[in-house]
Amino acid sequence: MRSIVLSFILFLGISWLFPVVTIQGDDKSDEARLNNADAVQAMAIANEWKWSKKEITTFVTPREVVFKFSKDRVKKTPLPEDKMLVAVAPYIKRTHK
């Protein structure tokens, strides 16, 4: 019994030190996630992918949310015409590096 507990504790310790890398979905499944997304959902997905999907570039224009995937594939989600997106960037000396 003691060896099982020690093995489990050792496993947890090693798992904590060397976390398993999450398998990223391929671009096609990522792109499919956007198929039925409205503008608000697309911006939420873009914000989520900002940290987890480094290979996907996202940005917002006055008319749409744009996703650039590998192999020069682009997916655009239109913004509603009756609403405006305003982004506020807090800064001390400048907004971008």
PDB file of N, CA and C in Angstrom:
ATOM      1  N   MET A   1       0.827  -1.198   0.000  1.00  0.00           N
ATOM      2  CA  MET A   1       0.000   0.000   0.000  1.00  0.00           C
ATOM      3  C   MET A   1       0.874   1.266   0.000  1.00  0.00           C
ATOM      4  N   ARG A   2       1.916   1.221   0.814  1.00  0.00           N
ATOM      5  CA  ARG A   2       2.789   2.382   0.906  1.00  0.00           C
ATOM      6  C   ARG A   2       3.460   2.662  -0.445  1.00  0.00           C
ATOM      7  N   SER A   3       3.850   1.621  -1.163  1.00  0.00           N
ATOM      8  CA  SER A   3       4.509   1.826  -2.459  1.00  0.00           C
ATOM      9  C   SER A   3       3.548   2.413  -3.490  1.00  0.00           C
ATOM     10  N   ILE A   4       2.265   2.061  -3.400  1.00  0.00           N
ATOM     11  CA  ILE A   4       1.268   2.632  -4.309  1.00  0.00           C
ATOM     12  C   ILE A   4       1.110   4.121  -4.049  1.00  0.00           C
ATOM     13  N   VAL A   5       1.041   4.488  -2.777  1.00  0.00           N
ATOM     14  CA  VAL A   5       0.896   5.905  -2.413  1.00  0.00           C
ATOM     15  C   VAL A   5       2.129   6.684  -2.858  1.00  0.00           C
ATOM     16  N   LEU A   6       3.315   6.137  -2.606  1.00  0.00           N
ATOM     17  CA  LEU A   6       4.542   6.818  -3.024  1.00  0.00           C
ATOM     18  C   LEU A   6       4.626   6.940  -4.545  1.00  0.00           C
ATOM     19  N   SER A   7       4.224   5.893  -5.248  1.00  0.00           N
ATOM     20  CA  SER A   7       4.215   5.950  -6.711  1.00  0.00           C
ATOM     21  C   SER A   7       3.267   7.026  -7.218  1.00  0.00           C
ATOM     22  N   PHE A   8       2.094   7.115  -6.591  1.00  0.00           N
ATOM     23  CA  PHE A   8       1.113   8.127  -6.991  1.00  0.00           C
ATOM     24  C   PHE A   8       1.646   9.532  -6.730  1.00  0.00           C
ATOM     25  N   ILE A   9       2.253   9.738  -5.568  1.00  0.00           N
ATOM     26  CA  ILE A   9       2.816  11.049  -5.235  1.00  0.00           C
ATOM     27  C   ILE A   9       3.948  11.391  -6.204  1.00  0.00           C
ATOM     28  N   LEU A  10       4.789  10.415  -6.527  1.00  0.00           N
ATOM     29  CA  LEU A  10       5.863  10.637  -7.490  1.00  0.00           C
ATOM     30  C   LEU A  10       5.303  10.997  -8.864  1.00  0.00           C
ATOM     31  N   PHE A  11       4.262  10.289  -9.278  1.00  0.00           N
ATOM     32  CA  PHE A  11       3.608  10.576 -10.554  1.00  0.00           C
ATOM     33  C   PHE A  11       3.062  12.003 -10.579  1.00  0.00           C
ATOM     34  N   LEU A  12       2.384  12.405  -9.487  1.00  0.00           N
ATOM     35  CA  LEU A  12       1.854  13.773  -9.426  1.00  0.00           C
ATOM     36  C   LEU A  12       2.968  14.804  -9.483  1.00  0.00           C
ATOM     37  N   GLY A  13       4.061  14.548  -8.777  1.00  0.00           N
ATOM     38  CA  GLY A  13       5.187  15.478  -8.783  1.00  0.00           C
ATOM     39  C   GLY A  13       5.804  15.627 -10.156  1.00  0.00           C
ATOM     40  N   ILE A  14       6.016  14.509 -10.834  1.00  0.00           N
ATOM     41  CA  ILE A  14       6.587  14.558 -12.181  1.00  0.00           C
ATOM     42  C   ILE A  14       5.619  15.225 -13.150  1.00  0.00           C
ATOM     43  N   SER A  15       4.329  14.921 -13.010  1.00  0.00           N
ATOM     44  CA  SER A  15       3.321  15.546 -13.878  1.00  0.00           C
ATOM     45  C   SER A  15       3.291  17.047 -13.685  1.00  0.00           C
ATOM     46  N   TRP A  16       3.461  17.496 -12.457  1.00  0.00           N
ATOM     47  CA  TRP A  16       3.437  18.927 -12.177  1.00  0.00           C
ATOM     48  C   TRP A  16       4.673  19.608 -12.761  1.00  0.00           C
ATOM     49  N   LEU A  17       5.824  18.934 -12.673  1.00  0.00           N
ATOM     50  CA  LEU A  17       7.059  19.523 -13.188  1.00  0.00           C
ATOM     51  C   LEU A  17       7.117  19.527 -14.712  1.00  0.00           C
ATOM     52  N   PHE A  18       6.537  18.512 -15.331  1.00  0.00           N
ATOM     53  CA  PHE A  18       6.572  18.377 -16.786  1.00  0.00           C
ATOM     54  C   PHE A  18       5.154  18.203 -17.311  1.00  0.00           C
ATOM     55  N   PRO A  19       4.393  19.278 -17.389  1.00  0.00           N
ATOM     56  CA  PRO A  19       2.999  19.148 -17.823  1.00  0.00           C
ATOM     57  C   PRO A  19       2.906  18.630 -19.253  1.00  0.00           C
ATOM     58  N   VAL A  20       1.870  17.896 -19.507  1.00  0.00           N
ATOM     59  CA  VAL A  20       1.625  17.354 -20.836  1.00  0.00           C
ATOM     60  C   VAL A  20       1.234  18.500 -21.756  1.00  0.00           C
ATOM     61  N   VAL A  21       1.825  18.544 -22.918  1.00  0.00           N
ATOM     62  CA  VAL A  21       1.499  19.577 -23.894  1.00  0.00           C
ATOM     63  C   VAL A  21       0.144  19.254 -24.492  1.00  0.00           C
ATOM     64  N   THR A  22      -0.743  20.221 -24.485  1.00  0.00           N
ATOM     65  CA  THR A  22      -2.060  20.023 -25.060  1.00  0.00           C
ATOM     66  C   THR A  22      -1.935  19.884 -26.564  1.00  0.00           C
ATOM     67  N   ILE A  23      -2.590  18.897 -27.092  1.00  0.00           N
ATOM     68  CA  ILE A  23      -2.570  18.696 -28.539  1.00  0.00           C
ATOM     69  C   ILE A  23      -3.473  19.741 -29.175  1.00  0.00           C
ATOM     70  N   GLN A  24      -2.909  20.550 -30.032  1.00  0.00           N
ATOM     71  CA  GLN A  24      -3.676  21.586 -30.700  1.00  0.00           C
ATOM     72  C   GLN A  24      -4.447  20.977 -31.858  1.00  0.00           C
ATOM     73  N   GLY A  25      -5.675  21.449 -32.051  1.00  0.00           N
ATOM     74  CA  GLY A  25      -6.459  20.982 -33.185  1.00  0.00           C
ATOM     75  C   GLY A  25      -5.873  21.503 -34.476  1.00  0.00           C
ATOM     76  N   ASP A  26      -6.191  20.862 -35.555  1.00  0.00           N
ATOM     77  CA  ASP A  26      -5.693  21.352 -36.827  1.00  0.00           C
ATOM     78  C   ASP A  26      -6.492  22.579 -37.256  1.00  0.00           C
ATOM     79  N   ASP A  27      -5.975  23.277 -38.248  1.00  0.00           N
ATOM     80  CA  ASP A  27      -6.618  24.511 -38.701  1.00  0.00           C
ATOM     81  C   ASP A  27      -8.043  24.280 -39.175  1.00  0.00           C
ATOM     82  N   LYS A  28      -8.302  23.135 -39.781  1.00  0.00           N
ATOM     83  CA  LYS A  28      -9.645  22.874 -40.312  1.00  0.00           C
ATOM     84  C   LYS A  28     -10.676  22.825 -39.194  1.00  0.00           C
ATOM     85  N   SER A  29     -10.361  22.159 -38.074  1.00  0.00           N
ATOM     86  CA  SER A  29     -11.321  22.108 -36.970  1.00  0.00           C
ATOM     87  C   SER A  29     -11.440  23.473 -36.293  1.00  0.00           C
ATOM     88  N   ASP A  30     -10.326  24.219 -36.236  1.00  0.00           N
ATOM     89  CA  ASP A  30     -10.384  25.574 -35.686  1.00  0.00           C
ATOM     90  C   ASP A  30     -11.263  26.456 -36.565  1.00  0.00           C
ATOM     91  N   GLU A  31     -11.081  26.316 -37.855  1.00  0.00           N
ATOM     92  CA  GLU A  31     -11.872  27.092 -38.812  1.00  0.00           C
ATOM     93  C   GLU A  31     -13.350  26.710 -38.717  1.00  0.00           C
ATOM     94  N   ALA A  32     -13.629  25.434 -38.535  1.00  0.00           N
ATOM     95  CA  ALA A  32     -15.014  24.961 -38.417  1.00  0.00           C
ATOM     96  C   ALA A  32     -15.695  25.541 -37.185  1.00  0.00           C
ATOM     97  N   ARG A  33     -14.927  25.787 -36.143  1.00  0.00           N
ATOM     98  CA  ARG A  33     -15.490  26.380 -34.920  1.00  0.00           C
ATOM     99  C   ARG A  33     -16.065  27.772 -35.193  1.00  0.00           C
ATOM    100  N   LEU A  34     -15.554  28.437 -36.205  1.00  0.00           N
ATOM    101  CA  LEU A  34     -16.000  29.790 -36.533  1.00  0.00           C
ATOM    102  C   LEU A  34     -17.205  29.821 -37.469  1.00  0.00           C
ATOM    103  N   ASN A  35     -17.577  28.687 -38.042  1.00  0.00           N
ATOM    104  CA  ASN A  35     -18.618  28.670 -39.076  1.00  0.00           C
ATOM    105  C   ASN A  35     -19.931  29.301 -38.641  1.00  0.00           C
ATOM    106  N   ASN A  36     -20.419  29.009 -37.463  1.00  0.00           N
ATOM    107  CA  ASN A  36     -21.704  29.545 -37.011  1.00  0.00           C
ATOM    108  C   ASN A  36     -21.548  30.621 -35.944  1.00  0.00           C
ATOM    109  N   ALA A  37     -20.343  31.152 -35.795  1.00  0.00           N
ATOM    110  CA  ALA A  37     -20.092  32.159 -34.765  1.00  0.00           C
ATOM    111  C   ALA A  37     -20.507  33.541 -35.252  1.00  0.00           C
ATOM    112  N   ASP A  38     -21.193  34.283 -34.375  1.00  0.00           N
ATOM    113  CA  ASP A  38     -21.486  35.678 -34.703  1.00  0.00           C
ATOM    114  C   ASP A  38     -20.262  36.521 -34.333  1.00  0.00           C
ATOM    115  N   ALA A  39     -20.349  37.825 -34.497  1.00  0.00           N
ATOM    116  CA  ALA A  39     -19.197  38.699 -34.276  1.00  0.00           C
ATOM    117  C   ALA A  39     -18.713  38.657 -32.829  1.00  0.00           C
ATOM    118  N   VAL A  40     -19.632  38.659 -31.878  1.00  0.00           N
ATOM    119  CA  VAL A  40     -19.245  38.635 -30.460  1.00  0.00           C
ATOM    120  C   VAL A  40     -18.544  37.319 -30.132  1.00  0.00           C
ATOM    121  N   GLN A  41     -19.088  36.218 -30.623  1.00  0.00           N
ATOM    122  CA  GLN A  41     -18.460  34.914 -30.396  1.00  0.00           C
ATOM    123  C   GLN A  41     -17.098  34.843 -31.081  1.00  0.00           C
ATOM    124  N   ALA A  42     -16.995  35.387 -32.278  1.00  0.00           N
ATOM    125  CA  ALA A  42     -15.723  35.376 -33.007  1.00  0.00           C
ATOM    126  C   ALA A  42     -14.657  36.165 -32.252  1.00  0.00           C
ATOM    127  N   MET A  43     -15.033  37.304 -31.671  1.00  0.00           N
ATOM    128  CA  MET A  43     -14.068  38.085 -30.898  1.00  0.00           C
ATOM    129  C   MET A  43     -13.656  37.345 -29.631  1.00  0.00           C
ATOM    130  N   ALA A  44     -14.592  36.626 -29.003  1.00  0.00           N
ATOM    131  CA  ALA A  44     -14.259  35.832 -27.820  1.00  0.00           C
ATOM    132  C   ALA A  44     -13.291  34.704 -28.189  1.00  0.00           C
ATOM    133  N   ILE A  45     -13.530  34.055 -29.317  1.00  0.00           N
ATOM    134  CA  ILE A  45     -12.635  32.994 -29.790  1.00  0.00           C
ATOM    135  C   ILE A  45     -11.258  33.579 -30.110  1.00  0.00           C
ATOM    136  N   ALA A  46     -11.232  34.739 -30.756  1.00  0.00           N
ATOM    137  CA  ALA A  46      -9.959  35.395 -31.080  1.00  0.00           C
ATOM    138  C   ALA A  46      -9.179  35.700 -29.811  1.00  0.00           C
ATOM    139  N   ASN A  47      -9.864  36.171 -28.787  1.00  0.00           N
ATOM    140  CA  ASN A  47      -9.205  36.473 -27.519  1.00  0.00           C
ATOM    141  C   ASN A  47      -8.680  35.201 -26.865  1.00  0.00           C
ATOM    142  N   GLU A  48      -9.444  34.132 -26.947  1.00  0.00           N
ATOM    143  CA  GLU A  48      -9.013  32.840 -26.390  1.00  0.00           C
ATOM    144  C   GLU A  48      -7.783  32.317 -27.129  1.00  0.00           C
ATOM    145  N   TRP A  49      -7.797  32.410 -28.450  1.00  0.00           N
ATOM    146  CA  TRP A  49      -6.699  31.896 -29.263  1.00  0.00           C
ATOM    147  C   TRP A  49      -5.457  32.765 -29.193  1.00  0.00           C
ATOM    148  N   LYS A  50      -5.591  33.974 -28.694  1.00  0.00           N
ATOM    149  CA  LYS A  50      -4.445  34.878 -28.605  1.00  0.00           C
ATOM    150  C   LYS A  50      -3.284  34.207 -27.877  1.00  0.00           C
ATOM    151  N   TRP A  51      -3.578  33.424 -26.858  1.00  0.00           N
ATOM    152  CA  TRP A  51      -2.534  32.776 -26.064  1.00  0.00           C
ATOM    153  C   TRP A  51      -2.326  31.319 -26.440  1.00  0.00           C
ATOM    154  N   SER A  52      -3.366  30.637 -26.897  1.00  0.00           N
ATOM    155  CA  SER A  52      -3.242  29.192 -27.110  1.00  0.00           C
ATOM    156  C   SER A  52      -2.970  28.789 -28.558  1.00  0.00           C
ATOM    157  N   LYS A  53      -3.266  29.626 -29.500  1.00  0.00           N
ATOM    158  CA  LYS A  53      -3.104  29.284 -30.923  1.00  0.00           C
ATOM    159  C   LYS A  53      -2.185  30.309 -31.580  1.00  0.00           C
ATOM    160  N   LYS A  54      -0.921  30.243 -31.258  1.00  0.00           N
ATOM    161  CA  LYS A  54       0.030  31.241 -31.754  1.00  0.00           C
ATOM    162  C   LYS A  54       0.142  31.251 -33.276  1.00  0.00           C
ATOM    163  N   GLU A  55      -0.192  30.133 -33.912  1.00  0.00           N
ATOM    164  CA  GLU A  55      -0.061  30.053 -35.370  1.00  0.00           C
ATOM    165  C   GLU A  55      -1.232  30.695 -36.101  1.00  0.00           C
ATOM    166  N   ILE A  56      -2.267  31.115 -35.370  1.00  0.00           N
ATOM    167  CA  ILE A  56      -3.425  31.772 -35.975  1.00  0.00           C
ATOM    168  C   ILE A  56      -3.367  33.256 -35.616  1.00  0.00           C
ATOM    169  N   THR A  57      -3.382  34.110 -36.623  1.00  0.00           N
ATOM    170  CA  THR A  57      -3.364  35.554 -36.404  1.00  0.00           C
ATOM    171  C   THR A  57      -4.791  36.075 -36.480  1.00  0.00           C
ATOM    172  N   THR A  58      -5.172  36.909 -35.511  1.00  0.00           N
ATOM    173  CA  THR A  58      -6.518  37.489 -35.522  1.00  0.00           C
ATOM    174  C   THR A  58      -6.434  38.997 -35.331  1.00  0.00           C
ATOM    175  N   PHE A  59      -7.360  39.690 -35.970  1.00  0.00           N
ATOM    176  CA  PHE A  59      -7.473  41.131 -35.766  1.00  0.00           C
ATOM    177  C   PHE A  59      -8.878  41.573 -36.149  1.00  0.00           C
ATOM    178  N   VAL A  60      -9.236  42.764 -35.695  1.00  0.00           N
ATOM    179  CA  VAL A  60     -10.568  43.312 -35.963  1.00  0.00           C
ATOM    180  C   VAL A  60     -10.408  44.574 -36.791  1.00  0.00           C
ATOM    181  N   THR A  61     -11.167  44.657 -37.872  1.00  0.00           N
ATOM    182  CA  THR A  61     -11.223  45.862 -38.695  1.00  0.00           C
ATOM    183  C   THR A  61     -12.562  46.544 -38.393  1.00  0.00           C
ATOM    184  N   PRO A  62     -12.820  47.716 -38.945  1.00  0.00           N
ATOM    185  CA  PRO A  62     -14.117  48.353 -38.703  1.00  0.00           C
ATOM    186  C   PRO A  62     -15.307  47.538 -39.213  1.00  0.00           C
ATOM    187  N   ARG A  63     -15.069  46.581 -40.101  1.00  0.00           N
ATOM    188  CA  ARG A  63     -16.175  45.828 -40.697  1.00  0.00           C
ATOM    189  C   ARG A  63     -16.228  44.345 -40.337  1.00  0.00           C
ATOM    190  N   GLU A  64     -15.100  43.767 -39.854  1.00  0.00           N
ATOM    191  CA  GLU A  64     -15.090  42.317 -39.643  1.00  0.00           C
ATOM    192  C   GLU A  64     -13.996  41.875 -38.675  1.00  0.00           C
ATOM    193  N   VAL A  65     -14.166  40.647 -38.173  1.00  0.00           N
ATOM    194  CA  VAL A  65     -13.133  39.971 -37.395  1.00  0.00           C
ATOM    195  C   VAL A  65     -12.423  39.043 -38.378  1.00  0.00           C
ATOM    196  N   VAL A  66     -11.107  39.146 -38.463  1.00  0.00           N
ATOM    197  CA  VAL A  66     -10.343  38.399 -39.459  1.00  0.00           C
ATOM    198  C   VAL A  66      -9.436  37.384 -38.756  1.00  0.00           C
ATOM    199  N   PHE A  67      -9.469  36.151 -39.253  1.00  0.00           N
ATOM    200  CA  PHE A  67      -8.616  35.072 -38.758  1.00  0.00           C
ATOM    201  C   PHE A  67      -7.732  34.618 -39.910  1.00  0.00           C
ATOM    202  N   LYS A  68      -6.419  34.625 -39.707  1.00  0.00           N
ATOM    203  CA  LYS A  68      -5.483  34.144 -40.727  1.00  0.00           C
ATOM    204  C   LYS A  68      -4.880  32.834 -40.233  1.00  0.00           C
ATOM    205  N   PHE A  69      -5.150  31.764 -40.985  1.00  0.00           N
ATOM    206  CA  PHE A  69      -4.652  30.436 -40.666  1.00  0.00           C
ATOM    207  C   PHE A  69      -3.409  30.146 -41.500  1.00  0.00           C
ATOM    208  N   SER A  70      -2.804  29.000 -41.257  1.00  0.00           N
ATOM    209  CA  SER A  70      -1.643  28.608 -42.058  1.00  0.00           C
ATOM    210  C   SER A  70      -2.070  28.393 -43.510  1.00  0.00           C
ATOM    211  N   LYS A  71      -1.116  28.352 -44.373  1.00  0.00           N
ATOM    212  CA  LYS A  71      -1.345  28.173 -45.814  1.00  0.00           C
ATOM    213  C   LYS A  71      -2.203  29.292 -46.399  1.00  0.00           C
ATOM    214  N   ASP A  72      -2.085  30.499 -45.836  1.00  0.00           N
ATOM    215  CA  ASP A  72      -2.753  31.698 -46.349  1.00  0.00           C
ATOM    216  C   ASP A  72      -4.274  31.601 -46.411  1.00  0.00           C
ATOM    217  N   ARG A  73      -4.864  30.767 -45.577  1.00  0.00           N
ATOM    218  CA  ARG A  73      -6.334  30.703 -45.518  1.00  0.00           C
ATOM    219  C   ARG A  73      -6.821  31.793 -44.576  1.00  0.00           C
ATOM    220  N   VAL A  74      -7.901  32.454 -44.956  1.00  0.00           N
ATOM    221  CA  VAL A  74      -8.464  33.556 -44.181  1.00  0.00           C
ATOM    222  C   VAL A  74      -9.946  33.300 -43.955  1.00  0.00           C
ATOM    223  N   LYS A  75     -10.398  33.547 -42.736  1.00  0.00           N
ATOM    224  CA  LYS A  75     -11.824  33.439 -42.395  1.00  0.00           C
ATOM    225  C   LYS A  75     -12.236  34.790 -41.821  1.00  0.00           C
ATOM    226  N   LYS A  76     -13.333  35.350 -42.351  1.00  0.00           N
ATOM    227  CA  LYS A  76     -13.807  36.663 -41.904  1.00  0.00           C
ATOM    228  C   LYS A  76     -15.221  36.534 -41.364  1.00  0.00           C
ATOM    229  N   THR A  77     -15.464  37.178 -40.225  1.00  0.00           N
ATOM    230  CA  THR A  77     -16.796  37.224 -39.630  1.00  0.00           C
ATOM    231  C   THR A  77     -17.227  38.684 -39.603  1.00  0.00           C
ATOM    232  N   PRO A  78     -18.303  39.030 -40.288  1.00  0.00           N
ATOM    233  CA  PRO A  78     -18.709  40.438 -40.351  1.00  0.00           C
ATOM    234  C   PRO A  78     -19.209  40.955 -39.004  1.00  0.00           C
ATOM    235  N   LEU A  79     -18.904  42.220 -38.750  1.00  0.00           N
ATOM    236  CA  LEU A  79     -19.439  42.898 -37.568  1.00  0.00           C
ATOM    237  C   LEU A  79     -20.818  43.447 -37.917  1.00  0.00           C
ATOM    238  N   PRO A  80     -21.711  43.565 -36.938  1.00  0.00           N
ATOM    239  CA  PRO A  80     -23.033  44.126 -37.239  1.00  0.00           C
ATOM    240  C   PRO A  80     -22.906  45.587 -37.674  1.00  0.00           C
ATOM    241  N   GLU A  81     -23.720  45.979 -38.641  1.00  0.00           N
ATOM    242  CA  GLU A  81     -23.642  47.345 -39.163  1.00  0.00           C
ATOM    243  C   GLU A  81     -24.214  48.376 -38.198  1.00  0.00           C
ATOM    244  N   ASP A  82     -25.087  47.939 -37.290  1.00  0.00           N
ATOM    245  CA  ASP A  82     -25.733  48.884 -36.379  1.00  0.00           C
ATOM    246  C   ASP A  82     -24.972  49.077 -35.067  1.00  0.00           C
ATOM    247  N   LYS A  83     -23.788  48.459 -34.940  1.00  0.00           N
ATOM    248  CA  LYS A  83     -22.989  48.601 -33.722  1.00  0.00           C
ATOM    249  C   LYS A  83     -21.560  48.938 -34.094  1.00  0.00           C
ATOM    250  N   MET A  84     -20.859  49.559 -33.142  1.00  0.00           N
ATOM    251  CA  MET A  84     -19.479  49.942 -33.375  1.00  0.00           C
ATOM    252  C   MET A  84     -18.608  49.322 -32.289  1.00  0.00           C
ATOM    253  N   LEU A  85     -17.456  48.819 -32.675  1.00  0.00           N
ATOM    254  CA  LEU A  85     -16.495  48.272 -31.730  1.00  0.00           C
ATOM    255  C   LEU A  85     -15.507  49.371 -31.368  1.00  0.00           C
ATOM    256  N   VAL A  86     -15.341  49.590 -30.075  1.00  0.00           N
ATOM    257  CA  VAL A  86     -14.377  50.573 -29.602  1.00  0.00           C
ATOM    258  C   VAL A  86     -13.370  49.843 -28.721  1.00  0.00           C
ATOM    259  N   ALA A  87     -12.099  49.941 -29.057  1.00  0.00           N
ATOM    260  CA  ALA A  87     -11.043  49.319 -28.260  1.00  0.00           C
ATOM    261  C   ALA A  87     -10.276  50.416 -27.541  1.00  0.00           C
ATOM    262  N   VAL A  88     -10.104  50.236 -26.258  1.00  0.00           N
ATOM    263  CA  VAL A  88      -9.376  51.208 -25.450  1.00  0.00           C
ATOM    264  C   VAL A  88      -8.102  50.538 -24.960  1.00  0.00           C
ATOM    265  N   ALA A  89      -6.969  51.150 -25.242  1.00  0.00           N
ATOM    266  CA  ALA A  89      -5.688  50.589 -24.816  1.00  0.00           C
ATOM    267  C   ALA A  89      -5.089  51.477 -23.731  1.00  0.00           C
ATOM    268  N   PRO A  90      -5.003  50.969 -22.519  1.00  0.00           N
ATOM    269  CA  PRO A  90      -4.371  51.767 -21.464  1.00  0.00           C
ATOM    270  C   PRO A  90      -2.861  51.861 -21.718  1.00  0.00           C
ATOM    271  N   TYR A  91      -2.291  52.982 -21.396  1.00  0.00           N
ATOM    272  CA  TYR A  91      -0.861  53.141 -21.626  1.00  0.00           C
ATOM    273  C   TYR A  91      -0.283  54.149 -20.654  1.00  0.00           C
ATOM    274  N   ILE A  92       1.013  54.068 -20.455  1.00  0.00           N
ATOM    275  CA  ILE A  92       1.729  55.045 -19.643  1.00  0.00           C
ATOM    276  C   ILE A  92       2.506  55.974 -20.566  1.00  0.00           C
ATOM    277  N   LYS A  93       3.307  55.388 -21.442  1.00  0.00           N
ATOM    278  CA  LYS A  93       4.091  56.183 -22.383  1.00  0.00           C
ATOM    279  C   LYS A  93       3.630  55.979 -23.817  1.00  0.00           C
ATOM    280  N   ARG A  94       3.227  54.757 -24.160  1.00  0.00           N
ATOM    281  CA  ARG A  94       2.756  54.456 -25.502  1.00  0.00           C
ATOM    282  C   ARG A  94       1.913  53.186 -25.458  1.00  0.00           C
ATOM    283  N   THR A  95       1.129  52.936 -26.514  1.00  0.00           N
ATOM    284  CA  THR A  95       0.209  51.803 -26.494  1.00  0.00           C
ATOM    285  C   THR A  95       0.816  50.519 -27.030  1.00  0.00           C
ATOM    286  N   HIS A  96       1.816  50.608 -27.876  1.00  0.00           N
ATOM    287  CA  HIS A  96       2.425  49.419 -28.459  1.00  0.00           C
ATOM    288  C   HIS A  96       3.937  49.493 -28.342  1.00  0.00           C
ATOM    289  N   LYS A  97       4.544  48.339 -28.337  1.00  0.00           N
ATOM    290  CA  LYS A  97       6.015  48.297 -28.263  1.00  0.00           C
ATOM    291  C   LYS A  97       6.613  48.488 -29.620  1.00  0.00           C
TER     292      LYS A  97
END
